[in-house]
Amino acid sequence: MRRRRTAVVFVALFLILFAFIVLDLTQAFIPLTFSEAFWALFGVGSDTNVYIVQNTNMPRVVMAIFVGAGLGIAGAVMQALFRNPMASPYILGLSSGASLGAAIGLTFTVAWIPSLLLVPLLSFITCMATLFLVYSISHVGGRVPTETLLLAGIAVGSFLSAIVSLLTYMAGDELQDIVYWTMGNLTDVEWENILIVAPLIAAGCMIMISCSRDLNAMMLGGNHAQDLGVEVAKVRVQLLIASALVTAAAVAFVGVIGFVGLVVPHILRIVMGPDNRALLPASLLGGAAFLMMCDYISRVITAQSIGILPIGIVTSLIGAPYFIYLLRRRKSEVGWD
């Protein structure tokens, strides 16, 4: 029964992802029909349609797939690692940490580092620093309480966001780029960006999936995991570094896109159960499908005269109410009753 349900979930996620890929490919300066976009995807149709789909829209779609997949699986790992359904790269401040590095890279230049590599490098460094800062603040008496974790993530994330705002104020000619970037933007993606992002996210995802069995044991508690032969400290560091790598790569070129790692893994855990051997790949696929859906919504929800709505706004409009719902469900755990 569980295997059948898992298979159904994977098939459904794949179909949803494919449907929104084609729908998103229809959105261009010359709107295409679903049929035209579908066939142009395989090189069939007029030269104009094929060019729009494969050269103009495809980089955005590919980047959305990688970013959504990375944020989805990173959220699932953090929720399992901290045994907290409200943990995610956005809530714990990792997105703000990565955005700080990216903002520094966009504002300043380093002569001996190519600008294309400077932003992701700084994003990874500041994301890792944020991760260990939040974790060290939250670590009380040998454990990480939920309320301390959330408060530390929100506080550190707010502080780093303030620094990003300061850099935005000082940016000068780069002001518009940084402001638009902080809202989450897939519009200006190019293939050379994907060549950097894709290997980093793929590597991080493979590390996390390879640790899924150990992660199952660690969800029982550190002592139980050690009894089962899991090197808890080593696996925890591997998972934290992989999560930070994926988050930094995702944020570096498309900006802050929140709540993907919160909503998708939590819903899939309810449907599929807590087994990370199936949950992590499903979160990867579900994150990609969710971000593709949000990108499509961001392009059809507003009139062309207004422009394209930043995708980070759409994910926040969906994810923030869900986060409030989670807080209300678990108010006894965070000490609100």
Protein backbone atom coordinates (compact mmCIF):
# COMPACT_ATOMS: atom_id res chain seq x y z
CA MET A 1 0.00 0.00 0.00
CA ARG A 2 2.79 2.42 0.91
CA ARG A 3 4.76 1.58 -2.22
CA ARG A 4 1.68 2.12 -4.36
CA ARG A 5 1.05 5.48 -2.71
CA THR A 6 4.68 6.48 -3.22
CA ALA A 7 4.53 5.52 -6.89
CA VAL A 8 1.33 7.51 -7.36
CA VAL A 9 2.90 10.56 -5.70
CA PHE A 10 5.97 10.40 -7.96
CA VAL A 11 3.88 10.02 -11.10
CA ALA A 12 1.61 12.90 -10.06
CA LEU A 13 4.59 15.17 -9.29
CA PHE A 14 6.20 14.35 -12.62
CA LEU A 15 3.00 15.10 -14.55
CA ILE A 16 2.48 18.36 -12.65
CA LEU A 17 6.07 19.37 -13.32
CA PHE A 18 5.86 18.56 -17.02
CA ALA A 19 2.52 20.37 -17.42
CA PHE A 20 3.84 23.56 -15.83
CA ILE A 21 7.07 23.35 -17.82
CA VAL A 22 5.06 23.49 -21.03
CA LEU A 23 2.71 26.16 -19.66
CA ASP A 24 5.66 28.29 -18.60
CA LEU A 25 7.24 27.91 -22.01
CA THR A 26 4.14 29.48 -23.57
CA GLN A 27 4.81 32.77 -21.75
CA ALA A 28 6.83 35.12 -23.98
CA PHE A 29 6.58 38.40 -25.86
CA ILE A 30 4.61 36.35 -28.43
CA PRO A 31 2.22 34.13 -26.43
CA LEU A 32 2.13 30.53 -27.59
CA THR A 33 -0.53 27.89 -27.21
CA PHE A 34 0.10 24.79 -25.12
CA SER A 35 0.33 22.69 -28.28
CA GLU A 36 2.79 25.07 -29.98
CA ALA A 37 5.05 25.17 -26.90
CA PHE A 38 4.91 21.39 -26.51
CA TRP A 39 6.00 20.66 -30.07
CA ALA A 40 8.54 23.50 -30.14
CA LEU A 41 10.14 21.87 -27.12
CA PHE A 42 11.10 19.01 -29.45
CA GLY A 43 12.08 21.30 -32.34
CA VAL A 44 8.81 20.96 -34.25
CA GLY A 45 6.98 24.04 -35.50
CA SER A 46 7.87 27.45 -36.90
CA ASP A 47 11.39 28.79 -36.45
CA THR A 48 10.02 31.62 -34.31
CA ASN A 49 8.26 29.26 -31.92
CA VAL A 50 11.28 26.99 -31.62
CA TYR A 51 13.58 29.96 -30.96
CA ILE A 52 11.27 31.39 -28.28
CA VAL A 53 10.93 28.07 -26.49
CA GLN A 54 14.47 26.74 -26.74
CA ASN A 55 16.53 29.94 -26.54
CA THR A 56 14.44 32.53 -24.72
CA ASN A 57 12.32 30.55 -22.27
CA MET A 58 14.29 27.35 -21.72
CA PRO A 59 17.10 28.86 -19.58
CA ARG A 60 14.50 30.25 -17.17
CA VAL A 61 12.68 26.93 -16.98
CA VAL A 62 15.86 24.91 -16.41
CA MET A 63 17.00 27.29 -13.67
CA ALA A 64 13.58 27.09 -11.99
CA ILE A 65 13.77 23.28 -12.00
CA PHE A 66 17.22 23.22 -10.38
CA VAL A 67 16.47 25.96 -7.84
CA GLY A 68 13.09 24.49 -6.86
CA ALA A 69 14.54 21.00 -6.57
CA GLY A 70 17.45 22.21 -4.45
CA LEU A 71 15.34 24.28 -2.08
CA GLY A 72 12.78 21.48 -1.75
CA ILE A 73 15.27 18.79 -0.77
CA ALA A 74 17.24 21.18 1.48
CA GLY A 75 14.05 21.94 3.39
CA ALA A 76 13.26 18.24 3.76
CA VAL A 77 16.75 17.54 5.14
CA MET A 78 16.56 20.39 7.64
CA GLN A 79 13.14 19.34 8.86
CA ALA A 80 14.42 15.82 9.42
CA LEU A 81 17.77 16.88 10.85
CA PHE A 82 16.25 19.26 13.40
CA ARG A 83 13.12 17.10 13.80
CA ASN A 84 11.12 20.26 13.24
CA PRO A 85 8.50 20.68 10.46
CA MET A 86 9.01 24.45 10.48
CA ALA A 87 12.72 24.33 9.62
CA SER A 88 13.68 25.52 6.14
CA PRO A 89 16.49 27.50 4.49
CA TYR A 90 14.30 30.62 4.48
CA ILE A 91 12.97 30.43 8.05
CA LEU A 92 16.41 29.61 9.51
CA GLY A 93 17.99 32.63 7.83
CA LEU A 94 20.12 30.74 5.30
CA SER A 95 18.53 32.57 2.38
CA SER A 96 19.29 35.89 4.06
CA GLY A 97 22.86 34.77 4.69
CA ALA A 98 23.33 33.75 1.07
CA SER A 99 21.70 36.98 -0.10
CA LEU A 100 24.21 38.97 1.95
CA GLY A 101 27.09 37.34 0.11
CA ALA A 102 25.40 37.91 -3.23
CA ALA A 103 24.69 41.55 -2.40
CA ILE A 104 28.35 42.06 -1.48
CA GLY A 105 29.38 40.47 -4.76
CA LEU A 106 26.98 42.68 -6.73
CA THR A 107 28.10 45.85 -4.94
CA PHE A 108 31.87 45.35 -4.82
CA THR A 109 34.39 43.72 -7.13
CA VAL A 110 37.53 41.68 -6.52
CA ALA A 111 40.10 42.02 -9.27
CA TRP A 112 41.45 38.46 -9.11
CA ILE A 113 38.04 36.71 -8.98
CA PRO A 114 35.75 36.68 -12.07
CA SER A 115 32.45 38.40 -11.36
CA LEU A 116 30.56 35.30 -12.49
CA LEU A 117 32.20 33.27 -9.69
CA LEU A 118 32.36 35.97 -7.03
CA VAL A 119 28.63 36.03 -6.26
CA PRO A 120 28.14 32.25 -5.72
CA LEU A 121 31.43 32.01 -3.77
CA LEU A 122 30.46 34.79 -1.35
CA SER A 123 26.93 33.40 -1.11
CA PHE A 124 28.24 30.01 0.00
CA ILE A 125 30.63 31.52 2.57
CA THR A 126 28.01 33.75 4.18
CA CYS A 127 25.37 31.00 4.01
CA MET A 128 27.63 28.57 5.87
CA ALA A 129 28.51 31.22 8.45
CA THR A 130 24.82 31.93 9.00
CA LEU A 131 24.03 28.24 9.38
CA PHE A 132 26.59 27.64 12.11
CA LEU A 133 25.70 30.92 13.84
CA VAL A 134 22.01 30.03 14.05
CA TYR A 135 22.79 26.48 15.14
CA SER A 136 25.25 27.60 17.84
CA ILE A 137 22.76 30.15 19.21
CA SER A 138 20.00 27.53 19.28
CA HIS A 139 22.11 24.81 20.94
CA VAL A 140 21.03 24.80 24.60
CA GLY A 141 21.89 22.04 27.06
CA GLY A 142 22.88 19.52 24.41
CA ARG A 143 19.71 19.96 22.34
CA VAL A 144 18.16 22.43 19.91
CA PRO A 145 14.72 23.56 21.18
CA THR A 146 12.18 24.47 18.53
CA GLU A 147 11.41 27.92 19.88
CA THR A 148 15.11 28.82 20.17
CA LEU A 149 15.81 27.59 16.63
CA LEU A 150 12.98 29.61 15.13
CA LEU A 151 13.78 32.77 17.08
CA ALA A 152 17.49 32.52 16.30
CA GLY A 153 16.80 32.01 12.59
CA ILE A 154 14.35 34.90 12.43
CA ALA A 155 16.62 37.22 14.43
CA VAL A 156 19.78 36.44 12.46
CA GLY A 157 17.86 36.56 9.17
CA SER A 158 16.38 39.97 10.04
CA PHE A 159 19.81 41.31 10.99
CA LEU A 160 21.36 40.10 7.74
CA SER A 161 18.43 41.47 5.74
CA ALA A 162 19.10 44.85 7.34
CA ILE A 163 22.72 44.67 6.16
CA VAL A 164 21.51 43.78 2.66
CA SER A 165 19.21 46.81 2.77
CA LEU A 166 22.18 48.97 3.79
CA LEU A 167 24.20 47.66 0.87
CA THR A 168 21.23 48.34 -1.38
CA TYR A 169 21.16 51.92 -0.12
CA MET A 170 24.89 52.25 -0.89
CA ALA A 171 24.74 50.46 -4.21
CA GLY A 172 24.49 53.46 -6.50
CA ASP A 173 24.28 52.30 -10.12
CA GLU A 174 23.58 48.70 -9.03
CA LEU A 175 20.57 49.73 -6.90
CA GLN A 176 17.91 48.55 -9.34
CA ASP A 177 19.62 45.19 -9.90
CA ILE A 178 19.91 44.46 -6.17
CA VAL A 179 16.34 45.55 -5.38
CA TYR A 180 14.90 43.37 -8.14
CA TRP A 181 17.21 40.51 -7.18
CA THR A 182 16.06 40.53 -3.53
CA MET A 183 12.49 39.86 -4.71
CA GLY A 184 13.44 36.68 -6.56
CA ASN A 185 13.91 36.86 -10.30
CA LEU A 186 14.21 34.18 -12.98
CA THR A 187 13.83 36.50 -15.95
CA ASP A 188 17.47 37.35 -16.66
CA VAL A 189 18.88 33.83 -16.36
CA GLU A 190 21.44 32.80 -18.97
CA TRP A 191 22.94 29.43 -19.85
CA GLU A 192 26.31 30.38 -18.35
CA ASN A 193 24.59 30.90 -14.98
CA ILE A 194 23.08 27.43 -15.20
CA LEU A 195 26.50 25.92 -15.93
CA ILE A 196 27.59 27.13 -12.48
CA VAL A 197 24.39 26.51 -10.52
CA ALA A 198 23.45 23.07 -11.89
CA PRO A 199 26.62 21.16 -10.83
CA LEU A 200 26.54 22.70 -7.33
CA ILE A 201 22.89 21.87 -6.74
CA ALA A 202 23.26 18.41 -8.27
CA ALA A 203 26.26 17.65 -6.05
CA GLY A 204 24.46 18.86 -2.92
CA CYS A 205 21.34 16.86 -3.76
CA MET A 206 23.33 13.66 -4.34
CA ILE A 207 25.07 14.06 -0.98
CA MET A 208 21.75 14.53 0.81
CA ILE A 209 20.07 11.59 -0.91
CA SER A 210 23.06 9.35 -0.19
CA CYS A 211 22.61 10.12 3.54
CA SER A 212 18.88 9.39 3.57
CA ARG A 213 19.23 6.05 5.40
CA ASP A 214 21.44 7.61 8.09
CA LEU A 215 19.01 10.51 8.35
CA ASN A 216 16.21 8.05 9.11
CA ALA A 217 18.24 6.72 12.02
CA MET A 218 19.10 10.21 13.27
CA MET A 219 15.41 11.10 13.44
CA LEU A 220 15.16 8.55 16.27
CA GLY A 221 17.73 10.53 18.26
CA GLY A 222 21.50 10.81 18.31
CA ASN A 223 22.02 7.95 20.79
CA HIS A 224 19.84 5.53 18.85
CA ALA A 225 21.58 6.49 15.60
CA GLN A 226 25.00 5.81 17.14
CA ASP A 227 23.79 2.42 18.36
CA LEU A 228 22.88 1.66 14.75
CA GLY A 229 26.39 2.52 13.62
CA VAL A 230 25.75 6.04 12.27
CA GLU A 231 28.52 8.60 12.70
CA VAL A 232 26.10 11.30 13.80
CA ALA A 233 28.49 14.26 13.93
CA LYS A 234 30.00 13.46 10.52
CA VAL A 235 26.63 12.94 8.81
CA ARG A 236 25.21 16.09 10.39
CA VAL A 237 28.09 18.20 9.10
CA GLN A 238 27.79 16.64 5.62
CA LEU A 239 24.07 17.40 5.50
CA LEU A 240 24.47 20.95 6.78
CA ILE A 241 27.22 21.72 4.27
CA ALA A 242 25.21 20.18 1.42
CA SER A 243 22.12 22.19 2.44
CA ALA A 244 24.14 25.40 2.61
CA LEU A 245 25.76 24.65 -0.77
CA VAL A 246 22.39 24.11 -2.45
CA THR A 247 20.82 27.17 -0.82
CA ALA A 248 23.75 29.42 -1.73
CA ALA A 249 23.76 28.21 -5.34
CA ALA A 250 20.01 28.74 -5.61
CA VAL A 251 20.09 32.25 -4.15
CA ALA A 252 23.24 33.44 -5.92
CA PHE A 253 21.72 34.09 -9.35
CA VAL A 254 17.94 34.24 -8.82
CA GLY A 255 17.64 36.06 -5.50
CA VAL A 256 15.67 35.23 -2.37
CA ILE A 257 12.87 32.72 -3.00
CA GLY A 258 11.29 31.75 0.28
CA PHE A 259 9.06 28.98 1.66
CA VAL A 260 9.72 26.38 -1.06
CA GLY A 261 11.66 24.30 1.44
CA LEU A 262 8.92 24.71 4.03
CA VAL A 263 5.71 23.97 2.14
CA VAL A 264 6.74 21.15 -0.20
CA PRO A 265 8.50 18.74 2.22
CA HIS A 266 5.86 19.19 4.92
CA ILE A 267 2.98 18.34 2.57
CA LEU A 268 4.84 15.37 1.09
CA ARG A 269 5.72 14.07 4.55
CA ILE A 270 1.99 14.05 5.41
CA VAL A 271 1.18 12.16 2.20
CA MET A 272 4.14 9.75 2.00
CA GLY A 273 5.35 9.35 5.57
CA PRO A 274 8.73 10.14 7.14
CA ASP A 275 10.95 7.67 5.23
CA ASN A 276 13.65 9.95 3.80
CA ARG A 277 14.67 7.38 1.17
CA ALA A 278 11.47 8.28 -0.68
CA LEU A 279 10.79 11.71 0.82
CA LEU A 280 14.03 13.37 -0.30
CA PRO A 281 13.67 12.46 -4.02
CA ALA A 282 9.98 13.41 -3.83
CA SER A 283 10.85 16.78 -2.26
CA LEU A 284 13.36 17.34 -5.05
CA LEU A 285 10.71 16.69 -7.69
CA GLY A 286 7.99 18.51 -5.75
CA GLY A 287 10.15 21.59 -5.20
CA ALA A 288 10.80 21.83 -8.93
CA ALA A 289 7.08 21.45 -9.70
CA PHE A 290 6.10 24.03 -7.05
CA LEU A 291 8.55 26.65 -8.32
CA MET A 292 7.51 26.06 -11.93
CA MET A 293 3.89 26.59 -10.88
CA CYS A 294 4.80 29.81 -9.05
CA ASP A 295 6.79 31.10 -12.03
CA TYR A 296 3.83 30.47 -14.32
CA ILE A 297 1.50 32.26 -11.87
CA SER A 298 3.89 35.21 -11.64
CA ARG A 299 3.66 35.65 -15.42
CA VAL A 300 -0.10 35.42 -15.84
CA ILE A 301 -1.36 37.08 -12.64
CA THR A 302 -0.53 40.67 -13.68
CA ALA A 303 -1.19 42.70 -16.81
CA GLN A 304 1.64 43.10 -19.33
CA SER A 305 1.68 46.87 -18.70
CA ILE A 306 2.71 46.25 -15.07
CA GLY A 307 5.38 43.70 -15.88
CA ILE A 308 6.26 40.28 -14.50
CA LEU A 309 5.62 39.77 -10.80
CA PRO A 310 8.84 38.65 -9.01
CA ILE A 311 8.57 34.98 -8.20
CA GLY A 312 9.67 35.50 -4.60
CA ILE A 313 6.48 37.45 -3.97
CA VAL A 314 4.34 34.56 -5.24
CA THR A 315 6.11 31.94 -3.11
CA SER A 316 5.79 34.17 -0.03
CA LEU A 317 2.08 34.77 -0.66
CA ILE A 318 1.60 30.99 -0.68
CA GLY A 319 4.15 30.01 1.96
CA ALA A 320 3.62 32.66 4.66
CA PRO A 321 -0.02 31.68 5.38
CA TYR A 322 1.06 28.04 5.50
CA PHE A 323 3.78 28.91 8.02
CA ILE A 324 1.20 30.69 10.19
CA TYR A 325 -0.98 27.58 9.97
CA LEU A 326 1.93 25.43 11.14
CA LEU A 327 2.62 27.76 14.05
CA ARG A 328 -1.01 27.59 15.17
CA ARG A 329 -1.00 23.80 14.95
CA ARG A 330 2.17 23.56 17.04
CA LYS A 331 1.61 26.47 19.43
CA SER A 332 1.95 24.20 22.46
CA GLU A 333 5.47 23.23 21.34
CA VAL A 334 6.64 26.83 20.96
CA GLY A 335 5.16 27.82 24.31
CA TRP A 336 2.19 29.92 23.26
CA ASP A 337 -0.53 28.27 25.34
